[in-house]
Protein backbone atom coordinates (compact mmCIF):
# COMPACT_ATOMS: atom_id res chain seq x y z
CA MET A 1 -26.83 38.00 38.77
CA PHE A 2 -27.84 41.49 37.72
CA LYS A 3 -28.56 42.05 33.87
CA LYS A 4 -28.85 45.58 33.47
CA ASN A 5 -29.47 46.74 29.83
CA VAL A 6 -28.07 50.14 28.36
CA SER A 7 -28.92 51.91 25.19
CA VAL A 8 -27.02 54.18 23.10
CA LEU A 9 -27.82 55.59 19.56
CA GLY A 10 -30.32 52.39 18.39
CA ILE A 11 -27.49 49.71 20.21
CA ILE A 12 -28.54 47.63 23.06
CA PHE A 13 -25.64 46.77 25.37
CA ILE A 14 -26.55 43.59 28.27
CA VAL A 15 -23.94 44.46 30.88
CA LEU A 16 -23.98 41.62 33.61
CA LEU A 17 -22.33 42.75 36.54
CA PRO A 18 -20.50 41.05 39.26
CA VAL A 19 -22.13 39.20 41.50
CA MET A 20 -21.69 38.85 45.05
CA VAL A 21 -21.74 35.04 46.52
CA GLN A 22 -21.49 34.29 49.65
CA SER A 23 -20.42 30.43 51.01
CA GLY A 24 -19.63 30.17 54.02
CA SER A 25 -17.56 32.63 55.41
CA ASP A 26 -15.80 33.06 53.05
CA GLU A 27 -16.77 36.26 50.09
CA VAL A 28 -16.48 35.38 46.40
CA PHE A 29 -16.58 37.51 43.54
CA ARG A 30 -18.04 35.64 40.85
CA ARG A 31 -17.57 37.22 37.45
CA GLN A 32 -18.86 36.05 34.23
CA LYS A 33 -18.49 37.80 30.69
CA ARG A 34 -20.44 37.83 28.02
CA SER A 35 -20.91 40.44 24.72
CA ASP A 36 -24.02 40.15 23.56
CA ILE A 37 -24.65 42.71 21.17
CA PHE A 38 -28.30 43.09 20.15
CA LEU A 39 -28.81 46.17 17.43
CA LEU A 40 -32.04 47.98 16.79
CA ASN A 41 -32.38 48.22 12.96
CA ASN A 42 -34.98 50.36 11.66
CA PRO A 43 -35.94 50.50 8.13
CA PRO A 44 -35.02 53.48 5.19
CA GLU A 45 -37.09 56.25 5.28
CA ASN A 46 -38.26 59.14 3.46
CA VAL A 47 -38.26 57.30 -0.45
CA SER A 48 -38.16 59.04 -2.91
CA VAL A 49 -37.46 58.85 -7.29
CA SER A 50 -37.53 62.14 -8.77
CA GLY A 51 -36.26 62.94 -12.76
CA PRO A 52 -38.52 63.31 -16.44
CA VAL A 53 -42.04 61.62 -16.13
CA PHE A 54 -41.32 62.20 -20.08
CA GLY A 55 -39.25 60.77 -21.84
CA ARG A 56 -37.84 59.45 -25.71
CA ALA A 57 -37.40 55.92 -25.96
CA GLY A 58 -33.60 54.89 -26.96
CA GLU A 59 -32.27 57.60 -25.34
CA LEU A 60 -30.56 57.22 -21.67
CA THR A 61 -32.54 59.31 -19.19
CA GLU A 62 -31.36 59.75 -15.23
CA TYR A 63 -33.27 59.67 -12.62
CA ALA A 64 -32.21 60.17 -8.68
CA PHE A 65 -32.60 57.69 -6.15
CA TYR A 66 -32.59 58.91 -2.37
CA CYS A 67 -33.98 57.44 1.31
CA ASP A 68 -32.67 58.20 4.04
CA ASP A 69 -32.01 55.33 7.53
CA PRO A 70 -32.36 55.79 11.07
CA GLU A 71 -29.03 54.47 11.89
CA GLY A 72 -26.48 55.90 8.92
CA ASP A 73 -25.93 52.29 7.27
CA ASN A 74 -25.52 52.51 3.54
CA VAL A 75 -28.06 51.20 1.61
CA LEU A 76 -29.12 48.45 -1.55
CA TYR A 77 -31.56 50.01 -4.28
CA TYR A 78 -34.00 47.59 -5.66
CA ILE A 79 -35.61 49.57 -8.70
CA LYS A 80 -37.49 47.54 -11.07
CA TRP A 81 -37.72 49.58 -14.25
CA GLU A 82 -39.76 48.39 -17.86
CA SER A 83 -38.49 44.02 -16.34
CA SER A 84 -40.57 41.94 -14.65
CA CYS A 85 -37.57 41.57 -12.28
CA PRO A 86 -36.08 44.37 -10.45
CA ALA A 87 -32.51 45.37 -10.98
CA VAL A 88 -29.97 45.89 -7.55
CA TYR A 89 -27.30 48.79 -6.41
CA GLY A 90 -25.06 49.87 -4.45
CA PRO A 91 -24.24 49.42 -2.05
CA PHE A 92 -24.67 53.57 -1.16
CA GLU A 93 -24.38 55.80 1.37
CA SER A 94 -28.07 57.13 2.31
CA SER A 95 -29.04 60.87 2.71
CA VAL A 96 -27.71 61.46 -1.00
CA ASP A 97 -29.62 61.66 -3.72
CA THR A 98 -28.38 58.52 -5.87
CA PRO A 99 -28.56 59.42 -9.74
CA LEU A 100 -28.96 56.27 -12.17
CA SER A 101 -29.86 55.99 -15.46
CA TYR A 102 -31.88 53.56 -17.65
CA LEU A 103 -32.38 53.42 -21.54
CA TRP A 104 -36.35 52.69 -22.13
CA GLY A 105 -36.07 49.54 -24.69
CA LYS A 106 -39.82 51.22 -26.70
CA SER A 107 -42.57 53.66 -26.39
CA GLY A 108 -45.97 53.30 -23.56
CA PHE A 109 -46.40 54.18 -19.95
CA TYR A 110 -44.50 52.71 -17.72
CA THR A 111 -44.29 52.34 -13.26
CA ILE A 112 -40.51 52.80 -11.60
CA SER A 113 -41.14 50.47 -8.79
CA PHE A 114 -38.59 51.41 -6.00
CA LYS A 115 -37.21 50.03 -2.20
CA ALA A 116 -34.44 50.70 -0.10
CA VAL A 117 -33.24 47.65 2.16
CA ASP A 118 -30.34 48.55 4.67
CA THR A 119 -27.17 46.60 5.13
CA TYR A 120 -29.18 44.40 7.93
CA GLY A 121 -31.91 43.35 6.22
CA ALA A 122 -34.70 46.24 6.79
CA GLU A 123 -36.89 46.75 3.84
CA SER A 124 -38.02 50.34 2.85
CA GLU A 125 -42.08 50.47 1.78
CA ILE A 126 -42.36 50.34 -2.00
CA VAL A 127 -42.36 53.74 -4.15
CA TYR A 128 -43.53 54.20 -7.60
CA PHE A 129 -42.57 57.29 -10.15
CA ASP A 130 -45.70 56.80 -13.91
CA ILE A 131 -42.98 57.76 -16.67
CA VAL A 132 -44.36 58.31 -20.24
CA MET A 133 -42.34 57.51 -23.86
CA PRO A 134 -44.36 59.16 -26.12
CA MET A 135 -44.45 57.39 -29.43
CA ASN A 136 -42.72 58.72 -32.67
CA ASN A 137 -44.49 61.55 -34.43
CA TYR A 138 -45.93 59.58 -37.05
CA ALA A 139 -47.38 56.73 -35.13
CA ARG A 140 -49.16 60.02 -32.88
CA TYR A 141 -50.88 61.46 -35.98
CA ILE A 142 -52.36 57.78 -36.92
CA SER A 143 -53.01 57.67 -33.05
CA PHE A 144 -55.12 60.63 -32.73
CA LEU A 145 -56.76 60.23 -36.71
CA ASN A 146 -58.54 57.17 -34.73
CA ASN A 147 -59.59 58.47 -31.96
CA VAL A 148 -61.09 61.04 -34.25
CA PHE A 149 -62.58 58.35 -36.54
CA ASP A 150 -63.70 56.15 -33.41
CA ILE A 151 -65.54 59.29 -32.18
CA PHE A 152 -67.67 60.38 -35.36
CA TYR A 153 -67.94 56.69 -36.89
CA GLU A 154 -69.34 55.66 -33.37
CA LYS A 155 -72.12 53.01 -33.65
């Protein structure tokens, strides 16, 4: 039996060709059917997050998430906002900006962690996006005055 691999658009087909076997003086053709299909699955690429780097706690802030999947598969987005567990969004089409919003709970410095996983399980690299949620004005002045006092009253 002869085995031949054929690749079309990242899919490998295994094709089994008929084999001629001689049995005495009679020629017998033996055919075997096999339908194995193996997918070559590449992880999503060009993963990115865009949006404002400054915002206000308590206000909804919108960010755009993007990735390209080489095979055009749909993707799930794993996004870690300010909590310890990533949230899963999707599935979405690849190669399309996907707007998602988040309501920041309190002022501070945050990092959004984001990765894309295609429908066949291939994972992209993780990208990071830094965010600053400034304090309200009163707290800003107190912080500024503390810094000024620290400068003048160093021990």
